[in-house]
């Protein structure tokens, strides 16, 4: 199972981001100015796989969507 993409809406009540991880690519680079949520997105990904659910619940976002290559999708609001 592979993560195909991530979408975050309402990050800091301000930003909407979508990241696509193309099949066959080993590296994806996030580029944005300071304060746009790059580190927060990485923390959100880490919290899904490695932290208790309450960690994600404390983060400032409206919706977090993680899409997998088998067609399934995890949505947190």
PDB file of N, CA and C in Angstrom:
ATOM      1  N   UNK A   1       0.844  -1.176   0.000  1.00  0.00           N
ATOM      2  CA  UNK A   1       0.000   0.000   0.000  1.00  0.00           C
ATOM      3  C   UNK A   1       0.891   1.241   0.000  1.00  0.00           C
ATOM      4  N   UNK A   2       0.533   2.194  -0.832  1.00  0.00           N
ATOM      5  CA  UNK A   2       1.335   3.394  -1.017  1.00  0.00           C
ATOM      6  C   UNK A   2       0.443   4.622  -0.907  1.00  0.00           C
ATOM      7  N   UNK A   3       0.969   5.684  -0.296  1.00  0.00           N
ATOM      8  CA  UNK A   3       0.226   6.947  -0.212  1.00  0.00           C
ATOM      9  C   UNK A   3       0.301   7.633  -1.572  1.00  0.00           C
ATOM     10  N   UNK A   4      -0.866   7.931  -2.152  1.00  0.00           N
ATOM     11  CA  UNK A   4      -0.918   8.623  -3.449  1.00  0.00           C
ATOM     12  C   UNK A   4      -0.967  10.135  -3.303  1.00  0.00           C
ATOM     13  N   UNK A   5      -1.632  10.600  -2.258  1.00  0.00           N
ATOM     14  CA  UNK A   5      -1.754  12.037  -2.107  1.00  0.00           C
ATOM     15  C   UNK A   5      -2.306  12.434  -0.757  1.00  0.00           C
ATOM     16  N   UNK A   6      -2.142  13.705  -0.468  1.00  0.00           N
ATOM     17  CA  UNK A   6      -2.625  14.278   0.780  1.00  0.00           C
ATOM     18  C   UNK A   6      -3.257  15.620   0.453  1.00  0.00           C
ATOM     19  N   UNK A   7      -4.393  15.888   1.071  1.00  0.00           N
ATOM     20  CA  UNK A   7      -5.043  17.191   0.918  1.00  0.00           C
ATOM     21  C   UNK A   7      -5.395  17.703   2.312  1.00  0.00           C
ATOM     22  N   UNK A   8      -5.078  18.953   2.552  1.00  0.00           N
ATOM     23  CA  UNK A   8      -5.404  19.601   3.823  1.00  0.00           C
ATOM     24  C   UNK A   8      -6.171  20.870   3.497  1.00  0.00           C
ATOM     25  N   UNK A   9      -7.328  21.028   4.098  1.00  0.00           N
ATOM     26  CA  UNK A   9      -8.091  22.266   3.920  1.00  0.00           C
ATOM     27  C   UNK A   9      -8.197  22.972   5.262  1.00  0.00           C
ATOM     28  N   UNK A  10      -8.204  24.285   5.191  1.00  0.00           N
ATOM     29  CA  UNK A  10      -8.362  25.107   6.384  1.00  0.00           C
ATOM     30  C   UNK A  10      -7.195  25.031   7.355  1.00  0.00           C
ATOM     31  N   UNK A  11      -6.002  24.775   6.851  1.00  0.00           N
ATOM     32  CA  UNK A  11      -4.831  24.749   7.722  1.00  0.00           C
ATOM     33  C   UNK A  11      -4.611  26.152   8.278  1.00  0.00           C
ATOM     34  N   UNK A  12      -4.554  26.267   9.579  1.00  0.00           N
ATOM     35  CA  UNK A  12      -4.467  27.565  10.269  1.00  0.00           C
ATOM     36  C   UNK A  12      -5.642  28.475   9.899  1.00  0.00           C
ATOM     37  N   UNK A  13      -6.776  27.879   9.502  1.00  0.00           N
ATOM     38  CA  UNK A  13      -7.960  28.631   9.036  1.00  0.00           C
ATOM     39  C   UNK A  13      -7.636  29.527   7.851  1.00  0.00           C
ATOM     40  N   UNK A  14      -6.625  29.160   7.074  1.00  0.00           N
ATOM     41  CA  UNK A  14      -6.157  30.053   6.019  1.00  0.00           C
ATOM     42  C   UNK A  14      -5.749  29.344   4.731  1.00  0.00           C
ATOM     43  N   UNK A  15      -5.131  28.179   4.836  1.00  0.00           N
ATOM     44  CA  UNK A  15      -4.499  27.559   3.675  1.00  0.00           C
ATOM     45  C   UNK A  15      -5.151  26.238   3.302  1.00  0.00           C
ATOM     46  N   UNK A  16      -5.191  25.972   2.005  1.00  0.00           N
ATOM     47  CA  UNK A  16      -5.589  24.681   1.450  1.00  0.00           C
ATOM     48  C   UNK A  16      -4.405  24.167   0.638  1.00  0.00           C
ATOM     49  N   UNK A  17      -3.974  22.948   0.931  1.00  0.00           N
ATOM     50  CA  UNK A  17      -2.823  22.367   0.236  1.00  0.00           C
ATOM     51  C   UNK A  17      -3.184  20.988  -0.291  1.00  0.00           C
ATOM     52  N   UNK A  18      -2.607  20.633  -1.439  1.00  0.00           N
ATOM     53  CA  UNK A  18      -2.752  19.292  -1.982  1.00  0.00           C
ATOM     54  C   UNK A  18      -1.388  18.818  -2.450  1.00  0.00           C
ATOM     55  N   UNK A  19      -0.992  17.638  -1.995  1.00  0.00           N
ATOM     56  CA  UNK A  19       0.272  17.030  -2.393  1.00  0.00           C
ATOM     57  C   UNK A  19      -0.029  15.729  -3.111  1.00  0.00           C
ATOM     58  N   UNK A  20       0.574  15.544  -4.265  1.00  0.00           N
ATOM     59  CA  UNK A  20       0.438  14.315  -5.038  1.00  0.00           C
ATOM     60  C   UNK A  20       1.807  13.629  -5.046  1.00  0.00           C
ATOM     61  N   UNK A  21       1.807  12.340  -4.779  1.00  0.00           N
ATOM     62  CA  UNK A  21       3.037  11.560  -4.782  1.00  0.00           C
ATOM     63  C   UNK A  21       3.004  10.637  -5.995  1.00  0.00           C
ATOM     64  N   UNK A  22       3.586  11.050  -7.115  1.00  0.00           N
ATOM     65  CA  UNK A  22       3.520  10.259  -8.353  1.00  0.00           C
ATOM     66  C   UNK A  22       4.161   8.876  -8.189  1.00  0.00           C
ATOM     67  N   UNK A  23       3.523   7.884  -8.780  1.00  0.00           N
ATOM     68  CA  UNK A  23       4.046   6.525  -8.735  1.00  0.00           C
ATOM     69  C   UNK A  23       5.401   6.481  -9.438  1.00  0.00           C
ATOM     70  N   UNK A  24       6.331   5.794  -8.830  1.00  0.00           N
ATOM     71  CA  UNK A  24       7.658   5.660  -9.414  1.00  0.00           C
ATOM     72  C   UNK A  24       8.625   6.752  -8.993  1.00  0.00           C
ATOM     73  N   UNK A  25       8.120   7.823  -8.386  1.00  0.00           N
ATOM     74  CA  UNK A  25       8.998   8.888  -7.895  1.00  0.00           C
ATOM     75  C   UNK A  25       9.388   8.569  -6.462  1.00  0.00           C
ATOM     76  N   UNK A  26      10.643   8.744  -6.132  1.00  0.00           N
ATOM     77  CA  UNK A  26      11.118   8.417  -4.792  1.00  0.00           C
ATOM     78  C   UNK A  26      11.131   9.626  -3.871  1.00  0.00           C
ATOM     79  N   UNK A  27      11.105  10.829  -4.440  1.00  0.00           N
ATOM     80  CA  UNK A  27      11.206  12.044  -3.635  1.00  0.00           C
ATOM     81  C   UNK A  27      10.168  13.043  -4.097  1.00  0.00           C
ATOM     82  N   UNK A  28       9.504  13.682  -3.151  1.00  0.00           N
ATOM     83  CA  UNK A  28       8.612  14.795  -3.434  1.00  0.00           C
ATOM     84  C   UNK A  28       9.071  15.954  -2.576  1.00  0.00           C
ATOM     85  N   UNK A  29       9.212  17.118  -3.172  1.00  0.00           N
ATOM     86  CA  UNK A  29       9.710  18.291  -2.461  1.00  0.00           C
ATOM     87  C   UNK A  29       8.577  19.292  -2.273  1.00  0.00           C
ATOM     88  N   UNK A  30       8.382  19.731  -1.031  1.00  0.00           N
ATOM     89  CA  UNK A  30       7.405  20.785  -0.744  1.00  0.00           C
ATOM     90  C   UNK A  30       8.154  22.111  -0.690  1.00  0.00           C
ATOM     91  N   UNK A  31       7.668  23.071  -1.463  1.00  0.00           N
ATOM     92  CA  UNK A  31       8.283  24.395  -1.487  1.00  0.00           C
ATOM     93  C   UNK A  31       7.199  25.425  -1.208  1.00  0.00           C
ATOM     94  N   UNK A  32       7.429  26.260  -0.215  1.00  0.00           N
ATOM     95  CA  UNK A  32       6.499  27.339   0.120  1.00  0.00           C
ATOM     96  C   UNK A  32       7.221  28.292   1.069  1.00  0.00           C
ATOM     97  N   UNK A  33       6.741  29.513   1.163  1.00  0.00           N
ATOM     98  CA  UNK A  33       7.342  30.455   2.112  1.00  0.00           C
ATOM     99  C   UNK A  33       7.147  29.980   3.559  1.00  0.00           C
ATOM    100  N   UNK A  34       7.924  30.560   4.449  1.00  0.00           N
ATOM    101  CA  UNK A  34       7.774  30.260   5.878  1.00  0.00           C
ATOM    102  C   UNK A  34       6.356  30.589   6.330  1.00  0.00           C
ATOM    103  N   UNK A  35       5.823  29.722   7.179  1.00  0.00           N
ATOM    104  CA  UNK A  35       4.512  29.971   7.748  1.00  0.00           C
ATOM    105  C   UNK A  35       3.341  29.436   6.948  1.00  0.00           C
ATOM    106  N   UNK A  36       3.591  28.723   5.859  1.00  0.00           N
ATOM    107  CA  UNK A  36       2.513  28.199   5.024  1.00  0.00           C
ATOM    108  C   UNK A  36       2.083  26.783   5.406  1.00  0.00           C
ATOM    109  N   UNK A  37       2.786  26.141   6.369  1.00  0.00           N
ATOM    110  CA  UNK A  37       2.329  24.863   6.883  1.00  0.00           C
ATOM    111  C   UNK A  37       3.096  23.632   6.447  1.00  0.00           C
ATOM    112  N   UNK A  38       4.281  23.787   5.889  1.00  0.00           N
ATOM    113  CA  UNK A  38       5.047  22.614   5.448  1.00  0.00           C
ATOM    114  C   UNK A  38       5.343  21.667   6.619  1.00  0.00           C
ATOM    115  N   UNK A  39       5.863  22.211   7.692  1.00  0.00           N
ATOM    116  CA  UNK A  39       6.184  21.390   8.859  1.00  0.00           C
ATOM    117  C   UNK A  39       4.927  20.805   9.475  1.00  0.00           C
ATOM    118  N   UNK A  40       3.858  21.570   9.510  1.00  0.00           N
ATOM    119  CA  UNK A  40       2.599  21.076  10.081  1.00  0.00           C
ATOM    120  C   UNK A  40       2.075  19.887   9.276  1.00  0.00           C
ATOM    121  N   UNK A  41       2.187  19.947   7.952  1.00  0.00           N
ATOM    122  CA  UNK A  41       1.752  18.819   7.118  1.00  0.00           C
ATOM    123  C   UNK A  41       2.582  17.577   7.439  1.00  0.00           C
ATOM    124  N   UNK A  42       3.884  17.736   7.597  1.00  0.00           N
ATOM    125  CA  UNK A  42       4.732  16.601   7.964  1.00  0.00           C
ATOM    126  C   UNK A  42       4.342  16.056   9.333  1.00  0.00           C
ATOM    127  N   UNK A  43       4.021  16.927  10.267  1.00  0.00           N
ATOM    128  CA  UNK A  43       3.567  16.483  11.591  1.00  0.00           C
ATOM    129  C   UNK A  43       2.243  15.734  11.497  1.00  0.00           C
ATOM    130  N   UNK A  44       1.363  16.189  10.622  1.00  0.00           N
ATOM    131  CA  UNK A  44       0.073  15.517  10.440  1.00  0.00           C
ATOM    132  C   UNK A  44       0.277  14.113   9.885  1.00  0.00           C
ATOM    133  N   UNK A  45       1.134  13.986   8.903  1.00  0.00           N
ATOM    134  CA  UNK A  45       1.437  12.662   8.328  1.00  0.00           C
ATOM    135  C   UNK A  45       2.012  11.755   9.415  1.00  0.00           C
ATOM    136  N   UNK A  46       2.950  12.270  10.179  1.00  0.00           N
ATOM    137  CA  UNK A  46       3.549  11.486  11.263  1.00  0.00           C
ATOM    138  C   UNK A  46       2.500  11.078  12.291  1.00  0.00           C
ATOM    139  N   UNK A  47       1.587  11.974  12.600  1.00  0.00           N
ATOM    140  CA  UNK A  47       0.579  11.647  13.614  1.00  0.00           C
ATOM    141  C   UNK A  47      -0.359  10.534  13.151  1.00  0.00           C
ATOM    142  N   UNK A  48      -0.628  10.461  11.858  1.00  0.00           N
ATOM    143  CA  UNK A  48      -1.486   9.391  11.332  1.00  0.00           C
ATOM    144  C   UNK A  48      -0.828   8.026  11.537  1.00  0.00           C
ATOM    145  N   UNK A  49       0.456   7.945  11.276  1.00  0.00           N
ATOM    146  CA  UNK A  49       1.136   6.652  11.300  1.00  0.00           C
ATOM    147  C   UNK A  49       1.813   6.305  12.622  1.00  0.00           C
ATOM    148  N   UNK A  50       2.180   7.306  13.426  1.00  0.00           N
ATOM    149  CA  UNK A  50       3.034   7.028  14.582  1.00  0.00           C
ATOM    150  C   UNK A  50       2.571   7.596  15.918  1.00  0.00           C
ATOM    151  N   UNK A  51       1.510   8.355  15.956  1.00  0.00           N
ATOM    152  CA  UNK A  51       1.114   9.027  17.192  1.00  0.00           C
ATOM    153  C   UNK A  51      -0.316   8.646  17.581  1.00  0.00           C
ATOM    154  N   UNK A  52      -0.697   8.910  18.823  1.00  0.00           N
ATOM    155  CA  UNK A  52      -2.101   8.716  19.215  1.00  0.00           C
ATOM    156  C   UNK A  52      -3.012   9.680  18.445  1.00  0.00           C
ATOM    157  N   UNK A  53      -4.261   9.303  18.280  1.00  0.00           N
ATOM    158  CA  UNK A  53      -5.228  10.111  17.514  1.00  0.00           C
ATOM    159  C   UNK A  53      -5.349  11.515  18.081  1.00  0.00           C
ATOM    160  N   UNK A  54      -5.256  11.673  19.377  1.00  0.00           N
ATOM    161  CA  UNK A  54      -5.421  13.001  19.986  1.00  0.00           C
ATOM    162  C   UNK A  54      -4.375  13.999  19.492  1.00  0.00           C
ATOM    163  N   UNK A  55      -3.222  13.506  19.037  1.00  0.00           N
ATOM    164  CA  UNK A  55      -2.191  14.401  18.501  1.00  0.00           C
ATOM    165  C   UNK A  55      -2.717  15.128  17.276  1.00  0.00           C
ATOM    166  N   UNK A  56      -3.351  14.419  16.369  1.00  0.00           N
ATOM    167  CA  UNK A  56      -3.917  15.031  15.163  1.00  0.00           C
ATOM    168  C   UNK A  56      -5.083  15.951  15.519  1.00  0.00           C
ATOM    169  N   UNK A  57      -5.857  15.571  16.509  1.00  0.00           N
ATOM    170  CA  UNK A  57      -7.033  16.355  16.901  1.00  0.00           C
ATOM    171  C   UNK A  57      -6.663  17.745  17.414  1.00  0.00           C
ATOM    172  N   UNK A  58      -5.457  17.920  17.897  1.00  0.00           N
ATOM    173  CA  UNK A  58      -5.024  19.220  18.422  1.00  0.00           C
ATOM    174  C   UNK A  58      -4.470  20.153  17.343  1.00  0.00           C
ATOM    175  N   UNK A  59      -4.352  19.679  16.140  1.00  0.00           N
ATOM    176  CA  UNK A  59      -3.763  20.489  15.067  1.00  0.00           C
ATOM    177  C   UNK A  59      -4.824  21.368  14.404  1.00  0.00           C
ATOM    178  N   UNK A  60      -4.419  22.564  13.933  1.00  0.00           N
ATOM    179  CA  UNK A  60      -5.369  23.540  13.394  1.00  0.00           C
ATOM    180  C   UNK A  60      -5.716  23.333  11.914  1.00  0.00           C
ATOM    181  N   UNK A  61      -6.703  22.480  11.629  1.00  0.00           N
ATOM    182  CA  UNK A  61      -7.129  22.247  10.258  1.00  0.00           C
ATOM    183  C   UNK A  61      -8.617  21.941  10.239  1.00  0.00           C
ATOM    184  N   UNK A  62      -9.224  22.057   9.061  1.00  0.00           N
ATOM    185  CA  UNK A  62     -10.634  21.701   8.899  1.00  0.00           C
ATOM    186  C   UNK A  62     -10.779  20.258   8.437  1.00  0.00           C
ATOM    187  N   UNK A  63      -9.991  19.859   7.417  1.00  0.00           N
ATOM    188  CA  UNK A  63     -10.054  18.490   6.916  1.00  0.00           C
ATOM    189  C   UNK A  63      -8.683  18.046   6.426  1.00  0.00           C
ATOM    190  N   UNK A  64      -8.339  16.806   6.753  1.00  0.00           N
ATOM    191  CA  UNK A  64      -7.097  16.174   6.305  1.00  0.00           C
ATOM    192  C   UNK A  64      -7.493  14.895   5.593  1.00  0.00           C
ATOM    193  N   UNK A  65      -7.031  14.730   4.365  1.00  0.00           N
ATOM    194  CA  UNK A  65      -7.405  13.573   3.548  1.00  0.00           C
ATOM    195  C   UNK A  65      -6.126  12.915   3.040  1.00  0.00           C
ATOM    196  N   UNK A  66      -6.000  11.605   3.328  1.00  0.00           N
ATOM    197  CA  UNK A  66      -4.858  10.832   2.890  1.00  0.00           C
ATOM    198  C   UNK A  66      -5.372   9.730   1.969  1.00  0.00           C
ATOM    199  N   UNK A  67      -4.953   9.753   0.700  1.00  0.00           N
ATOM    200  CA  UNK A  67      -5.424   8.787  -0.303  1.00  0.00           C
ATOM    201  C   UNK A  67      -4.368   7.722  -0.555  1.00  0.00           C
ATOM    202  N   UNK A  68      -4.818   6.472  -0.591  1.00  0.00           N
ATOM    203  CA  UNK A  68      -3.920   5.348  -0.830  1.00  0.00           C
ATOM    204  C   UNK A  68      -4.141   4.766  -2.221  1.00  0.00           C
ATOM    205  N   UNK A  69      -3.144   4.049  -2.721  1.00  0.00           N
ATOM    206  CA  UNK A  69      -3.220   3.526  -4.089  1.00  0.00           C
ATOM    207  C   UNK A  69      -4.228   2.397  -4.274  1.00  0.00           C
ATOM    208  N   UNK A  70      -4.768   1.855  -3.193  1.00  0.00           N
ATOM    209  CA  UNK A  70      -5.793   0.819  -3.330  1.00  0.00           C
ATOM    210  C   UNK A  70      -7.192   1.425  -3.436  1.00  0.00           C
ATOM    211  N   UNK A  71      -7.263   2.750  -3.510  1.00  0.00           N
ATOM    212  CA  UNK A  71      -8.546   3.439  -3.642  1.00  0.00           C
ATOM    213  C   UNK A  71      -9.146   3.877  -2.312  1.00  0.00           C
ATOM    214  N   UNK A  72      -8.544   3.461  -1.215  1.00  0.00           N
ATOM    215  CA  UNK A  72      -9.088   3.862   0.084  1.00  0.00           C
ATOM    216  C   UNK A  72      -8.589   5.265   0.459  1.00  0.00           C
ATOM    217  N   UNK A  73      -9.312   5.862   1.388  1.00  0.00           N
ATOM    218  CA  UNK A  73      -9.013   7.232   1.768  1.00  0.00           C
ATOM    219  C   UNK A  73      -9.299   7.400   3.256  1.00  0.00           C
ATOM    220  N   UNK A  74      -8.384   8.006   3.957  1.00  0.00           N
ATOM    221  CA  UNK A  74      -8.584   8.317   5.366  1.00  0.00           C
ATOM    222  C   UNK A  74      -8.888   9.805   5.460  1.00  0.00           C
ATOM    223  N   UNK A  75      -9.984  10.131   6.133  1.00  0.00           N
ATOM    224  CA  UNK A  75     -10.386  11.524   6.280  1.00  0.00           C
ATOM    225  C   UNK A  75     -10.508  11.854   7.751  1.00  0.00           C
ATOM    226  N   UNK A  76      -9.859  12.941   8.168  1.00  0.00           N
ATOM    227  CA  UNK A  76      -9.980  13.430   9.540  1.00  0.00           C
ATOM    228  C   UNK A  76     -10.504  14.849   9.489  1.00  0.00           C
ATOM    229  N   UNK A  77     -11.471  15.139  10.379  1.00  0.00           N
ATOM    230  CA  UNK A  77     -12.061  16.478  10.426  1.00  0.00           C
ATOM    231  C   UNK A  77     -12.044  16.998  11.827  1.00  0.00           C
TER     232      UNK A  77
END
